[in-house]
Amino acid sequence: AVFPGVPRGGLYTIIMAAAAAAAADGAEEPGMEAEALPLGCGGAGGSPAAGRSPEGEERREPPQAAVSNGGGEDSGRELVELKVIWNKNKYDVKFCLDSTGAELKQKIHSLTGLPPAMQKVMFKGLLPEEKTLREIKVTNGAKIMVVGSTINDVLAVNTPKEAAQQEVKAEENKKEPLCRQKQHRKVLDKGKPDDVMPSVKGVQERLPTVPLSGMYNKSGGKVRLTFKLEQDQLWIGTKERTEKLPMGSIKNVVSEPIEGHEDYHMMAFQLGPTEASYYWVYWVPTQYVDAIKDTVLGKWQYF
């Protein structure tokens, strides 16, 4: 081919010169061929430590575990802040939202010493042990009420019944017998009435068909007791008058043997709300005491 301005034979010279120049430029940049290598296969030093595995894949470090102040067992788990209230004590607790009510009871045990079996845990009602806090919609700041007593508290409070009864009996024994009290002594010192009904010691009898007579009242006057079963009344008669009392109005009946004359009792009928309303009768034959109590207090039909 003929190119204007280029001498014949000179074209070959130009092409060869261009090729030589290109070869010279490539020799000046030796790194060009290195850039064509895959990363991790020796590139940037060709070492696997450069962030690539020897097989040419990326080597990933394991993710760091989340750190929680709630303890290792709750690491990375969602926590909820609770206010646990027991026995006037308050505890601020961080607890896993996906833990169950039974697990919360174990936590409460570690805080209070209250065994789970003795706990009644309340959150909008009784806390279900099998459900999680998330399921029952516990939120931050929720108040958890705990009711229950430790074993030591129970043992300290529950005195055995036998011991308590013995204490009551001991207190009663310390009291002065009724027949020794001054208010009764002035009547008993008069002695047994001559016309009192005879007594039979160690025997319980039904009420007689006639009034019980020959006894004293608190003022020392003679008194008789008539039981009107058909009218459900007790008649208390003295020389001056007769009181007709509905048996249902009598609150209680008490009695006590007379010292030195245990075959006779002193007896009181409670006519009002306090002991001040007692109507006292002295020298009641002992064989009728139980029958009188049962009749007045509503058991007369058994006799």
Protein backbone atom coordinates (compact mmCIF):
# COMPACT_ATOMS: atom_id res chain seq x y z
CA ALA A 1 0.00 0.00 0.00
CA VAL A 2 1.14 3.53 -0.71
CA PHE A 3 0.67 6.11 2.13
CA PRO A 4 0.98 9.74 1.14
CA GLY A 5 4.03 11.33 2.60
CA VAL A 6 5.60 8.01 3.55
CA PRO A 7 8.56 6.91 1.48
CA ARG A 8 8.37 3.46 -0.12
CA GLY A 9 9.89 0.94 2.26
CA GLY A 10 9.43 3.34 5.13
CA LEU A 11 6.07 1.81 6.36
CA TYR A 12 7.76 -1.32 7.61
CA THR A 13 10.19 0.82 9.50
CA ILE A 14 7.31 2.71 11.25
CA ILE A 15 5.46 -0.52 12.27
CA MET A 16 8.57 -2.06 13.73
CA ALA A 17 9.40 1.10 15.62
CA ALA A 18 5.90 1.16 17.17
CA ALA A 19 6.19 -2.48 18.26
CA ALA A 20 9.56 -1.83 19.84
CA ALA A 21 8.15 1.13 21.75
CA ALA A 22 5.24 -0.95 23.08
CA ALA A 23 7.60 -3.64 24.26
CA ALA A 24 9.70 -1.06 26.03
CA ASP A 25 6.62 0.36 27.88
CA GLY A 26 5.57 -3.13 29.15
CA ALA A 27 8.98 -3.79 30.58
CA GLU A 28 8.72 -0.60 32.67
CA GLU A 29 5.54 -1.90 34.61
CA PRO A 30 6.32 -5.38 35.95
CA GLY A 31 3.34 -5.37 38.31
CA MET A 32 0.69 -5.60 35.63
CA GLU A 33 0.81 -9.37 35.44
CA ALA A 34 0.50 -9.71 39.32
CA GLU A 35 -2.78 -7.80 39.31
CA ALA A 36 -4.36 -10.49 37.18
CA LEU A 37 -3.95 -13.18 39.96
CA PRO A 38 -7.01 -14.06 42.08
CA LEU A 39 -7.04 -12.45 45.59
CA GLY A 40 -5.89 -14.83 48.33
CA CYS A 41 -4.00 -17.05 46.07
CA GLY A 42 -0.67 -15.38 46.80
CA GLY A 43 -1.69 -11.84 45.92
CA ALA A 44 -0.40 -9.21 48.30
CA GLY A 45 2.34 -11.61 49.28
CA GLY A 46 0.41 -14.79 48.35
CA SER A 47 -0.04 -15.69 52.02
CA PRO A 48 -3.27 -17.16 53.45
CA ALA A 49 -2.80 -14.84 56.43
CA ALA A 50 -3.71 -11.94 54.18
CA GLY A 51 -7.42 -12.64 54.82
CA ARG A 52 -8.00 -15.53 52.41
CA SER A 53 -8.05 -19.25 52.98
CA PRO A 54 -5.63 -21.45 51.04
CA GLU A 55 -8.54 -22.64 48.90
CA GLY A 56 -9.23 -19.08 47.80
CA GLU A 57 -12.34 -18.51 50.00
CA GLU A 58 -12.70 -15.81 52.62
CA ARG A 59 -11.96 -16.90 56.20
CA ARG A 60 -14.56 -15.40 58.59
CA GLU A 61 -13.99 -14.92 62.31
CA PRO A 62 -16.81 -16.21 64.64
CA PRO A 63 -19.12 -13.42 65.87
CA GLN A 64 -18.45 -12.09 69.36
CA ALA A 65 -21.07 -13.12 72.00
CA ALA A 66 -23.19 -10.32 73.38
CA VAL A 67 -22.20 -9.29 76.90
CA SER A 68 -24.94 -8.90 79.58
CA ASN A 69 -24.76 -7.89 83.19
CA GLY A 70 -27.49 -10.39 83.91
CA GLY A 71 -25.16 -13.39 84.00
CA GLY A 72 -23.70 -15.78 81.49
CA GLU A 73 -26.90 -17.81 81.19
CA ASP A 74 -28.76 -14.79 79.79
CA SER A 75 -26.05 -13.75 77.36
CA GLY A 76 -27.53 -12.58 74.13
CA ARG A 77 -31.10 -13.06 75.41
CA GLU A 78 -33.69 -10.32 75.86
CA LEU A 79 -33.97 -9.23 79.49
CA VAL A 80 -36.80 -7.52 81.35
CA GLU A 81 -36.47 -5.47 84.53
CA LEU A 82 -38.76 -6.60 87.36
CA LYS A 83 -39.59 -5.40 90.85
CA VAL A 84 -40.07 -8.44 93.08
CA ILE A 85 -41.89 -7.62 96.33
CA TRP A 86 -41.95 -10.09 99.22
CA ASN A 87 -42.47 -9.59 102.94
CA LYS A 88 -42.12 -5.77 102.64
CA ASN A 89 -38.79 -6.24 100.83
CA LYS A 90 -38.22 -5.10 97.24
CA TYR A 91 -35.74 -6.65 94.81
CA ASP A 92 -34.76 -5.19 91.42
CA VAL A 93 -34.22 -8.14 89.09
CA LYS A 94 -33.16 -8.48 85.45
CA PHE A 95 -34.61 -11.68 84.07
CA CYS A 96 -34.87 -13.35 80.69
CA LEU A 97 -38.14 -12.62 78.95
CA ASP A 98 -38.27 -16.15 77.50
CA SER A 99 -37.85 -17.88 80.88
CA THR A 100 -40.81 -19.63 82.48
CA GLY A 101 -42.65 -18.90 85.70
CA ALA A 102 -41.00 -21.96 87.26
CA GLU A 103 -37.56 -20.52 86.45
CA LEU A 104 -38.58 -17.19 87.97
CA LYS A 105 -39.52 -19.04 91.16
CA GLN A 106 -36.01 -20.47 91.30
CA LYS A 107 -34.63 -16.94 90.97
CA ILE A 108 -36.89 -15.74 93.78
CA HIS A 109 -35.67 -18.66 95.89
CA SER A 110 -32.06 -17.51 95.42
CA LEU A 111 -33.04 -13.98 96.51
CA THR A 112 -35.30 -14.69 99.46
CA GLY A 113 -34.63 -18.25 100.59
CA LEU A 114 -38.33 -18.99 100.03
CA PRO A 115 -38.69 -22.50 98.49
CA PRO A 116 -40.59 -22.54 95.17
CA ALA A 117 -43.19 -24.93 96.59
CA MET A 118 -44.06 -22.36 99.26
CA GLN A 119 -44.27 -19.40 96.87
CA LYS A 120 -47.44 -17.82 95.55
CA VAL A 121 -46.24 -15.53 92.75
CA MET A 122 -48.72 -12.93 91.50
CA PHE A 123 -48.75 -10.98 88.23
CA LYS A 124 -52.25 -10.10 87.05
CA GLY A 125 -53.34 -13.18 88.95
CA LEU A 126 -51.42 -16.30 89.85
CA LEU A 127 -48.28 -16.62 87.72
CA PRO A 128 -48.44 -19.80 85.55
CA GLU A 129 -45.29 -21.88 85.95
CA GLU A 130 -45.34 -23.40 82.46
CA LYS A 131 -45.64 -20.14 80.49
CA THR A 132 -42.84 -17.68 79.70
CA LEU A 133 -42.81 -14.08 80.85
CA ARG A 134 -43.19 -13.04 77.23
CA GLU A 135 -46.33 -15.15 76.84
CA ILE A 136 -48.03 -13.54 79.82
CA LYS A 137 -46.94 -10.09 78.56
CA VAL A 138 -44.57 -9.08 81.36
CA THR A 139 -43.03 -5.68 80.57
CA ASN A 140 -40.18 -3.59 81.95
CA GLY A 141 -40.88 -2.29 85.44
CA ALA A 142 -43.55 -4.92 86.14
CA LYS A 143 -44.27 -5.62 89.82
CA ILE A 144 -44.16 -9.26 90.87
CA MET A 145 -45.86 -9.91 94.21
CA VAL A 146 -44.68 -12.93 96.21
CA VAL A 147 -46.59 -14.44 99.14
CA GLY A 148 -45.21 -17.18 101.37
CA SER A 149 -43.25 -17.99 104.50
CA THR A 150 -39.94 -19.74 104.91
CA ILE A 151 -39.78 -23.02 106.78
CA ASN A 152 -38.12 -21.29 109.74
CA ASP A 153 -40.95 -18.74 109.89
CA VAL A 154 -43.55 -21.50 109.90
CA LEU A 155 -41.79 -23.40 112.67
CA ALA A 156 -41.43 -20.23 114.74
CA VAL A 157 -45.11 -19.28 114.46
CA ASN A 158 -46.86 -22.64 114.64
CA THR A 159 -46.62 -23.70 118.26
CA PRO A 160 -47.78 -27.30 118.67
CA LYS A 161 -51.41 -27.47 119.77
CA GLU A 162 -50.60 -29.67 122.74
CA ALA A 163 -48.17 -27.09 124.10
CA ALA A 164 -50.67 -24.28 123.60
CA GLN A 165 -53.40 -26.23 125.39
CA GLN A 166 -51.05 -26.95 128.27
CA GLU A 167 -50.31 -23.25 128.59
CA VAL A 168 -54.03 -22.45 128.72
CA LYS A 169 -54.61 -25.08 131.39
CA ALA A 170 -51.67 -23.77 133.40
CA GLU A 171 -53.16 -20.27 133.31
CA GLU A 172 -56.51 -21.62 134.40
CA ASN A 173 -54.89 -23.47 137.28
CA LYS A 174 -53.29 -20.25 138.45
CA LYS A 175 -56.70 -18.63 138.78
CA GLU A 176 -58.30 -18.70 142.18
CA PRO A 177 -61.23 -21.17 142.35
CA LEU A 178 -64.62 -19.47 142.21
CA CYS A 179 -65.66 -20.76 145.59
CA ARG A 180 -62.67 -18.97 147.19
CA GLN A 181 -63.48 -15.60 145.69
CA LYS A 182 -64.83 -13.05 148.11
CA GLN A 183 -68.07 -12.40 146.25
CA HIS A 184 -69.02 -16.09 146.50
CA ARG A 185 -67.48 -16.76 149.87
CA LYS A 186 -70.06 -14.66 151.71
CA VAL A 187 -72.85 -16.93 150.40
CA LEU A 188 -71.05 -20.26 150.77
CA ASP A 189 -69.98 -19.45 154.32
CA LYS A 190 -73.64 -19.70 155.33
CA GLY A 191 -73.26 -23.42 154.80
CA LYS A 192 -75.45 -25.92 153.00
CA PRO A 193 -79.15 -25.12 153.16
CA ASP A 194 -81.19 -27.50 155.30
CA ASP A 195 -83.88 -27.97 152.66
CA VAL A 196 -81.55 -28.45 149.67
CA MET A 197 -82.28 -31.45 147.46
CA PRO A 198 -80.08 -34.50 148.12
CA SER A 199 -77.11 -35.13 145.82
CA VAL A 200 -75.78 -38.31 144.24
CA LYS A 201 -72.06 -38.09 143.48
CA GLY A 202 -70.68 -39.75 140.33
CA VAL A 203 -74.10 -40.11 138.67
CA GLN A 204 -75.80 -38.11 135.90
CA GLU A 205 -79.57 -37.95 136.00
CA ARG A 206 -82.32 -36.41 133.94
CA LEU A 207 -84.03 -33.32 135.24
CA PRO A 208 -86.63 -34.09 137.87
CA THR A 209 -90.30 -33.50 137.13
CA VAL A 210 -90.48 -31.07 140.05
CA PRO A 211 -88.59 -27.73 140.42
CA LEU A 212 -85.06 -27.78 141.83
CA SER A 213 -85.38 -25.99 145.15
CA GLY A 214 -83.60 -25.20 148.43
CA MET A 215 -80.67 -23.34 146.72
CA TYR A 216 -79.25 -19.85 147.32
CA ASN A 217 -78.82 -16.94 144.91
CA LYS A 218 -76.09 -14.29 145.04
CA SER A 219 -77.86 -12.25 147.68
CA GLY A 220 -78.25 -15.30 149.93
CA GLY A 221 -81.98 -15.66 149.30
CA LYS A 222 -83.66 -18.94 148.49
CA VAL A 223 -84.12 -19.74 144.77
CA ARG A 224 -85.76 -22.51 142.75
CA LEU A 225 -85.34 -23.49 139.11
CA THR A 226 -88.30 -24.70 137.02
CA PHE A 227 -87.72 -26.00 133.48
CA LYS A 228 -90.77 -25.44 131.26
CA LEU A 229 -89.77 -27.54 128.29
CA GLU A 230 -93.08 -27.17 126.47
CA GLN A 231 -92.59 -23.38 126.54
CA ASP A 232 -88.79 -23.52 126.12
CA GLN A 233 -88.39 -21.37 129.23
CA LEU A 234 -86.43 -21.37 132.48
CA TRP A 235 -88.27 -19.95 135.45
CA ILE A 236 -86.05 -18.54 138.24
CA GLY A 237 -88.21 -18.10 141.29
CA THR A 238 -87.51 -16.26 144.54
CA LYS A 239 -89.73 -15.22 147.43
CA GLU A 240 -90.29 -11.87 145.77
CA ARG A 241 -90.88 -12.79 142.09
CA THR A 242 -90.41 -15.31 139.29
CA GLU A 243 -88.34 -14.49 136.18
CA LYS A 244 -89.48 -16.31 133.05
CA LEU A 245 -86.48 -16.53 130.67
CA PRO A 246 -86.53 -17.93 127.11
CA MET A 247 -83.80 -20.54 127.01
CA GLY A 248 -82.56 -19.06 123.74
CA SER A 249 -81.75 -15.80 125.58
CA ILE A 250 -79.31 -17.53 127.94
CA LYS A 251 -75.83 -17.19 126.41
CA ASN A 252 -73.96 -19.73 128.50
CA VAL A 253 -74.00 -21.89 131.61
CA VAL A 254 -70.93 -22.40 133.81
CA SER A 255 -70.40 -24.42 136.95
CA GLU A 256 -67.77 -25.47 139.47
CA PRO A 257 -67.76 -27.95 142.36
CA ILE A 258 -67.82 -26.44 145.85
CA GLU A 259 -64.63 -27.24 147.75
CA GLY A 260 -65.30 -29.68 150.59
CA HIS A 261 -68.75 -30.41 149.13
CA GLU A 262 -67.93 -31.70 145.65
CA ASP A 263 -71.35 -33.38 145.39
CA TYR A 264 -72.78 -29.86 144.97
CA HIS A 265 -71.95 -27.13 142.43
CA MET A 266 -72.21 -23.40 142.15
CA MET A 267 -73.73 -22.49 138.76
CA ALA A 268 -74.21 -19.31 136.72
CA PHE A 269 -76.58 -18.47 133.86
CA GLN A 270 -75.26 -15.78 131.50
CA LEU A 271 -78.20 -13.49 130.73
CA GLY A 272 -76.28 -10.81 128.81
CA PRO A 273 -73.10 -10.26 126.75
CA THR A 274 -70.62 -10.11 129.66
CA GLU A 275 -69.82 -11.94 132.89
CA ALA A 276 -71.45 -9.11 134.80
CA SER A 277 -74.79 -10.53 133.67
CA TYR A 278 -74.24 -13.91 135.40
CA TYR A 279 -77.08 -15.06 137.67
CA TRP A 280 -75.47 -17.26 140.33
CA VAL A 281 -77.11 -20.24 142.01
CA TYR A 282 -75.39 -22.15 144.84
CA TRP A 283 -75.76 -25.74 146.05
CA VAL A 284 -76.95 -27.36 142.83
CA PRO A 285 -76.96 -31.19 143.20
CA THR A 286 -74.15 -32.58 141.04
CA GLN A 287 -76.26 -35.27 139.34
CA TYR A 288 -78.35 -32.58 137.60
CA VAL A 289 -75.53 -30.28 136.43
CA ASP A 290 -75.04 -31.78 132.98
CA ALA A 291 -78.79 -32.10 132.38
CA ILE A 292 -79.27 -28.41 133.24
CA LYS A 293 -76.53 -27.34 130.83
CA ASP A 294 -77.85 -29.49 128.00
CA THR A 295 -81.45 -28.36 128.54
CA VAL A 296 -80.67 -24.64 128.60
CA LEU A 297 -78.19 -24.78 125.70
CA GLY A 298 -80.54 -26.72 123.43
CA LYS A 299 -79.95 -30.44 124.01
CA TRP A 300 -82.86 -31.19 126.25
CA GLN A 301 -84.51 -33.43 123.66
CA TYR A 302 -81.89 -36.12 124.32
CA PHE A 303 -83.09 -36.58 127.90
